[in-house]
Amino acid sequence: MSGRRTLPRSIARAVLANLHESLVPMIYSTAAPGSYVIYLHRDDFAEIEGIVPALSGQINRALDEALARLEQPRWWDRVLHPARDRMPPIEAAPHRSIDIMPDPNNELERGEVGVHSELRLPAGDDSAAPAVRVTMTTAGAADRDVPTSVGRPPAAAVLTVEDMGGRYTHALLDNPTVVGRGGPGSYVHVRLRADDAVSKEHCRIRRDDASGEFFIKDLSRNGTSVNGARLPAGVDYEDGEKRELNGCEVRLQDGASIGLAEAVSIEFRRVRP
């Protein structure tokens, strides 16, 4: 019973901590996550399943209040931290989603809370495609954090993704960039909304610093294709353990069409200076 009484507030604290970690200040505005997926141990989820809709609504309200406080700092914040730069106005997604679900990979312990957030702004002109930042934090019995970073150089390419969540763009700021379903224990830069046909870590896109060319490698069980041609398998499984193979990269040409297990399509485009 004690877990049922304390878990909802632990979830809210984890989501609010994730919000602060995930904010990305730009020049004229600050991007805030528009999507949260919260993972719980299956037994923890079963204890609170009946109040999940109400809890999601209250977490959404707490996020609104937290963003309002960030945009209107209290007078004592300015006194205590006079040298702190004021954050540009926050540009939140028009429709925030909050999903609370049992950990599909059975990696969380009782009492742990995994929070996966995404910055997914509306797609615009390809030349100024918005970045999608994915972060993951775990709070509870064993805290684990994946740090985020800002102030990166302009993207040299963008991905236009079509998955179960719709159509959106991702600016390739991370090198390499890992694409997949993600989840507890699997950090990806582009988190896809897809069924189990798409692997948690499905493929990796890398930019060669010397040549500026992009390369893709398949990391999945069900395959990755480029312009209809299946890539060579980049991993194998020995005694049930996933092992990455050397090489197996294929060059990505501008405009290439990437298919993930015939479930997700991605268009690759270079950004011309």
Protein backbone atom coordinates (compact mmCIF):
# COMPACT_ATOMS: atom_id res chain seq x y z
CA MET A 1 0.00 0.00 0.00
CA SER A 2 2.88 2.36 0.75
CA GLY A 3 4.06 2.20 -2.88
CA ARG A 4 0.59 3.10 -4.10
CA ARG A 5 0.56 6.11 -1.79
CA THR A 6 4.02 7.42 -2.70
CA LEU A 7 4.44 6.37 -6.35
CA PRO A 8 2.21 9.05 -7.98
CA ARG A 9 4.27 11.86 -6.43
CA SER A 10 7.50 10.08 -7.36
CA ILE A 11 6.29 9.93 -10.95
CA ALA A 12 5.43 13.64 -10.95
CA ARG A 13 8.83 14.57 -9.49
CA ALA A 14 10.60 12.46 -12.14
CA VAL A 15 8.66 14.12 -14.97
CA LEU A 16 9.34 17.64 -13.63
CA ALA A 17 13.05 16.82 -13.28
CA ASN A 18 13.02 15.57 -16.85
CA LEU A 19 11.41 18.83 -17.99
CA HIS A 20 14.21 20.92 -16.48
CA GLU A 21 16.85 18.60 -17.97
CA SER A 22 15.32 18.63 -21.44
CA LEU A 23 14.74 22.36 -22.05
CA VAL A 24 16.80 23.61 -25.01
CA PRO A 25 17.39 27.40 -25.06
CA MET A 26 17.72 28.73 -28.60
CA ILE A 27 18.22 32.34 -29.68
CA TYR A 28 14.71 33.72 -29.43
CA SER A 29 12.84 30.90 -27.69
CA THR A 30 13.30 27.83 -25.52
CA ALA A 31 12.02 24.47 -26.76
CA ALA A 32 10.17 22.28 -24.23
CA PRO A 33 9.17 18.62 -24.58
CA GLY A 34 5.74 17.92 -26.01
CA SER A 35 5.65 14.19 -25.38
CA TYR A 36 6.34 12.14 -22.25
CA VAL A 37 6.36 8.36 -21.97
CA ILE A 38 6.59 7.15 -18.37
CA TYR A 39 7.60 3.55 -17.72
CA LEU A 40 6.93 1.65 -14.47
CA HIS A 41 7.63 -1.82 -13.19
CA ARG A 42 4.63 -3.96 -14.13
CA ASP A 43 3.62 -4.50 -10.50
CA ASP A 44 3.86 -0.76 -9.77
CA PHE A 45 1.73 -0.01 -12.82
CA ALA A 46 -0.87 -2.56 -11.73
CA GLU A 47 -1.18 -0.82 -8.35
CA ILE A 48 -2.03 2.58 -9.86
CA GLU A 49 -3.62 1.58 -13.17
CA GLY A 50 -7.06 2.78 -12.08
CA ILE A 51 -5.86 6.34 -11.46
CA VAL A 52 -3.58 6.67 -14.51
CA PRO A 53 -5.96 9.00 -16.46
CA ALA A 54 -6.35 11.32 -13.46
CA LEU A 55 -2.63 11.22 -12.71
CA SER A 56 -1.77 12.08 -16.33
CA GLY A 57 -4.06 15.11 -16.14
CA GLN A 58 -2.49 16.32 -12.90
CA ILE A 59 1.04 15.86 -14.25
CA ASN A 60 0.03 17.91 -17.29
CA ARG A 61 -1.21 20.66 -14.96
CA ALA A 62 2.02 20.51 -12.92
CA LEU A 63 4.05 20.89 -16.13
CA ASP A 64 2.01 23.97 -17.12
CA GLU A 65 2.63 25.50 -13.69
CA ALA A 66 6.36 24.69 -13.85
CA LEU A 67 6.69 26.33 -17.28
CA ALA A 68 4.83 29.42 -16.04
CA ARG A 69 7.24 29.72 -13.10
CA LEU A 70 10.22 29.39 -15.41
CA GLU A 71 8.93 32.21 -17.62
CA GLN A 72 8.09 34.44 -14.64
CA PRO A 73 10.93 33.94 -12.12
CA ARG A 74 10.19 34.98 -8.55
CA TRP A 75 11.80 38.14 -7.19
CA TRP A 76 14.09 36.22 -4.84
CA ASP A 77 15.45 34.20 -7.75
CA ARG A 78 16.75 37.42 -9.26
CA VAL A 79 18.27 38.46 -5.92
CA LEU A 80 19.91 35.10 -5.23
CA HIS A 81 21.14 34.60 -8.81
CA PRO A 82 21.69 38.09 -10.30
CA ALA A 83 24.17 36.87 -12.93
CA ARG A 84 21.97 34.06 -14.27
CA ASP A 85 20.87 34.65 -17.86
CA ARG A 86 17.14 34.82 -18.32
CA MET A 87 15.79 31.98 -20.41
CA PRO A 88 14.19 32.98 -23.75
CA PRO A 89 10.38 32.55 -23.87
CA ILE A 90 9.35 28.90 -23.79
CA GLU A 91 7.81 27.47 -26.97
CA ALA A 92 5.80 24.46 -25.85
CA ALA A 93 4.12 22.00 -28.18
CA PRO A 94 0.43 22.89 -28.76
CA HIS A 95 -0.75 19.42 -27.67
CA ARG A 96 1.28 17.69 -24.97
CA SER A 97 0.98 13.90 -24.61
CA ILE A 98 1.60 11.98 -21.40
CA ASP A 99 1.58 8.18 -21.51
CA ILE A 100 2.07 6.02 -18.41
CA MET A 101 2.67 2.34 -19.12
CA PRO A 102 4.36 -0.80 -17.82
CA ASP A 103 7.99 -1.27 -18.82
CA PRO A 104 7.78 -3.40 -22.01
CA ASN A 105 11.34 -4.69 -21.59
CA ASN A 106 11.12 -5.67 -17.90
CA GLU A 107 14.26 -3.70 -17.05
CA LEU A 108 12.96 -1.48 -14.24
CA GLU A 109 13.00 -2.48 -10.58
CA ARG A 110 10.10 -1.89 -8.21
CA GLY A 111 10.04 1.81 -7.28
CA GLU A 112 11.92 3.00 -10.35
CA VAL A 113 10.38 5.50 -12.76
CA GLY A 114 11.66 5.76 -16.34
CA VAL A 115 10.80 9.01 -18.15
CA HIS A 116 11.34 9.43 -21.87
CA SER A 117 10.61 12.88 -23.30
CA GLU A 118 10.68 14.25 -26.82
CA LEU A 119 10.91 17.70 -28.36
CA ARG A 120 8.78 17.32 -31.46
CA LEU A 121 7.92 20.72 -32.92
CA PRO A 122 5.72 21.11 -36.02
CA ALA A 123 7.61 20.46 -39.23
CA GLY A 124 8.38 23.49 -41.35
CA ASP A 125 10.71 24.31 -44.20
CA ASP A 126 13.34 21.57 -44.55
CA SER A 127 16.09 24.16 -44.49
CA ALA A 128 15.13 25.09 -40.94
CA ALA A 129 13.76 21.78 -39.69
CA PRO A 130 13.24 21.66 -35.93
CA ALA A 131 15.41 19.40 -33.83
CA VAL A 132 13.94 16.52 -31.92
CA ARG A 133 15.72 16.02 -28.61
CA VAL A 134 15.21 12.81 -26.75
CA THR A 135 16.23 12.39 -23.14
CA MET A 136 15.81 9.65 -20.63
CA THR A 137 16.03 9.71 -16.88
CA THR A 138 15.27 7.11 -14.29
CA ALA A 139 14.39 8.05 -10.72
CA GLY A 140 13.93 5.73 -7.80
CA ALA A 141 15.95 2.91 -6.34
CA ALA A 142 18.73 3.26 -8.93
CA ASP A 143 19.03 6.71 -10.49
CA ARG A 144 20.42 6.74 -14.01
CA ASP A 145 20.67 9.83 -16.18
CA VAL A 146 21.48 10.45 -19.81
CA PRO A 147 22.83 14.00 -20.07
CA THR A 148 21.64 16.44 -22.66
CA SER A 149 23.66 19.19 -24.30
CA VAL A 150 22.98 22.37 -26.21
CA GLY A 151 24.91 24.89 -28.26
CA ARG A 152 25.66 22.50 -31.10
CA PRO A 153 26.61 23.47 -34.66
CA PRO A 154 23.89 23.66 -37.33
CA ALA A 155 22.62 20.35 -38.66
CA ALA A 156 24.12 19.03 -41.90
CA ALA A 157 21.10 16.82 -42.65
CA VAL A 158 17.51 16.15 -41.56
CA LEU A 159 15.29 13.10 -41.35
CA THR A 160 11.60 13.23 -42.22
CA VAL A 161 9.98 10.39 -40.30
CA GLU A 162 6.59 8.76 -40.77
CA ASP A 163 5.59 6.42 -37.94
CA MET A 164 2.52 5.70 -35.82
CA GLY A 165 2.81 9.20 -34.32
CA GLY A 166 2.53 10.94 -37.69
CA ARG A 167 5.01 12.86 -39.83
CA TYR A 168 7.77 14.98 -38.28
CA THR A 169 11.37 16.05 -38.84
CA HIS A 170 14.57 15.51 -36.91
CA ALA A 171 17.69 17.59 -37.44
CA LEU A 172 20.84 15.43 -37.27
CA LEU A 173 22.78 17.16 -34.50
CA ASP A 174 24.16 14.06 -32.80
CA ASN A 175 26.99 12.11 -34.41
CA PRO A 176 26.31 9.26 -34.57
CA THR A 177 22.49 9.28 -34.39
CA VAL A 178 20.72 6.14 -33.15
CA VAL A 179 17.16 5.52 -34.38
CA GLY A 180 14.67 3.09 -32.83
CA ARG A 181 11.83 2.51 -30.36
CA GLY A 182 14.08 3.19 -27.38
CA GLY A 183 12.94 2.39 -23.88
CA PRO A 184 14.53 1.77 -20.48
CA GLY A 185 18.17 0.86 -20.99
CA SER A 186 18.17 1.89 -24.66
CA TYR A 187 18.97 5.53 -25.38
CA VAL A 188 18.11 6.70 -28.87
CA HIS A 189 18.27 10.13 -30.46
CA VAL A 190 15.19 9.54 -32.64
CA ARG A 191 12.54 7.65 -30.68
CA LEU A 192 9.98 6.05 -32.98
CA ARG A 193 6.37 5.24 -32.20
CA ALA A 194 6.15 1.79 -33.74
CA ASP A 195 5.33 -1.82 -32.93
CA ASP A 196 7.80 -4.51 -31.92
CA ALA A 197 8.87 -5.08 -35.53
CA VAL A 198 11.09 -2.01 -35.03
CA SER A 199 13.99 -2.69 -32.68
CA LYS A 200 14.76 -0.59 -29.62
CA GLU A 201 18.00 0.40 -31.40
CA HIS A 202 17.19 -0.18 -35.06
CA CYS A 203 19.83 1.67 -37.06
CA ARG A 204 22.64 4.17 -36.67
CA ILE A 205 23.50 7.11 -38.93
CA ARG A 206 27.06 8.45 -38.82
CA ARG A 207 28.69 11.45 -40.46
CA ASP A 208 32.33 11.06 -41.46
CA ASP A 209 34.21 14.10 -40.19
CA ALA A 210 36.84 13.98 -42.94
CA SER A 211 34.59 13.62 -45.98
CA GLY A 212 31.29 15.00 -44.65
CA GLU A 213 29.51 11.93 -46.05
CA PHE A 214 26.79 10.09 -44.13
CA PHE A 215 26.64 6.34 -43.56
CA ILE A 216 23.95 4.05 -42.13
CA LYS A 217 24.25 0.73 -40.31
CA ASP A 218 21.52 -1.79 -39.53
CA LEU A 219 21.34 -2.78 -35.82
CA SER A 220 18.04 -4.65 -35.93
CA ARG A 221 16.52 -8.12 -36.08
CA ASN A 222 14.01 -7.33 -38.85
CA GLY A 223 16.17 -5.32 -41.20
CA THR A 224 16.76 -1.84 -42.60
CA SER A 225 16.56 -0.90 -46.29
CA VAL A 226 17.79 2.08 -48.31
CA ASN A 227 15.92 2.83 -51.57
CA GLY A 228 14.39 -0.64 -51.39
CA ALA A 229 17.70 -2.53 -51.01
CA ARG A 230 18.15 -4.31 -47.70
CA LEU A 231 21.31 -3.42 -45.78
CA PRO A 232 23.74 -6.10 -44.63
CA ALA A 233 23.08 -7.15 -41.04
CA GLY A 234 25.22 -5.10 -38.69
CA VAL A 235 24.64 -7.34 -35.66
CA ASP A 236 24.32 -11.01 -34.89
CA TYR A 237 23.04 -12.93 -31.89
CA GLU A 238 25.22 -15.43 -30.11
CA ASP A 239 23.63 -17.34 -27.22
CA GLY A 240 20.89 -14.70 -27.21
CA GLU A 241 23.39 -11.85 -26.80
CA LYS A 242 23.44 -9.04 -29.36
CA ARG A 243 26.91 -8.47 -30.86
CA GLU A 244 27.76 -5.67 -33.30
CA LEU A 245 29.72 -6.62 -36.41
CA ASN A 246 32.55 -4.52 -37.82
CA GLY A 247 31.91 -2.61 -41.02
CA CYS A 248 28.51 -3.19 -42.70
CA GLU A 249 27.93 0.55 -43.23
CA VAL A 250 26.32 1.87 -46.41
CA ARG A 251 26.67 5.41 -47.75
CA LEU A 252 23.51 7.54 -47.59
CA GLN A 253 22.83 9.65 -50.66
CA ASP A 254 20.81 12.85 -50.52
CA GLY A 255 17.11 12.03 -50.81
CA ALA A 256 17.54 8.40 -49.79
CA SER A 257 14.45 6.55 -48.57
CA ILE A 258 15.08 4.46 -45.45
CA GLY A 259 12.73 1.65 -44.44
CA LEU A 260 12.69 0.09 -40.99
CA ALA A 261 11.20 -3.42 -40.88
CA GLU A 262 8.56 -2.30 -43.42
CA ALA A 263 6.93 -0.41 -40.53
CA VAL A 264 8.53 3.05 -40.56
CA SER A 265 9.72 5.19 -43.48
CA ILE A 266 12.35 7.90 -43.22
CA GLU A 267 13.58 10.35 -45.85
CA PHE A 268 17.19 11.55 -45.57
CA ARG A 269 18.03 15.05 -46.83
CA ARG A 270 21.27 17.02 -46.75
CA VAL A 271 21.03 20.66 -45.62
CA ARG A 272 22.84 22.89 -48.07
CA PRO A 273 24.78 25.83 -46.59
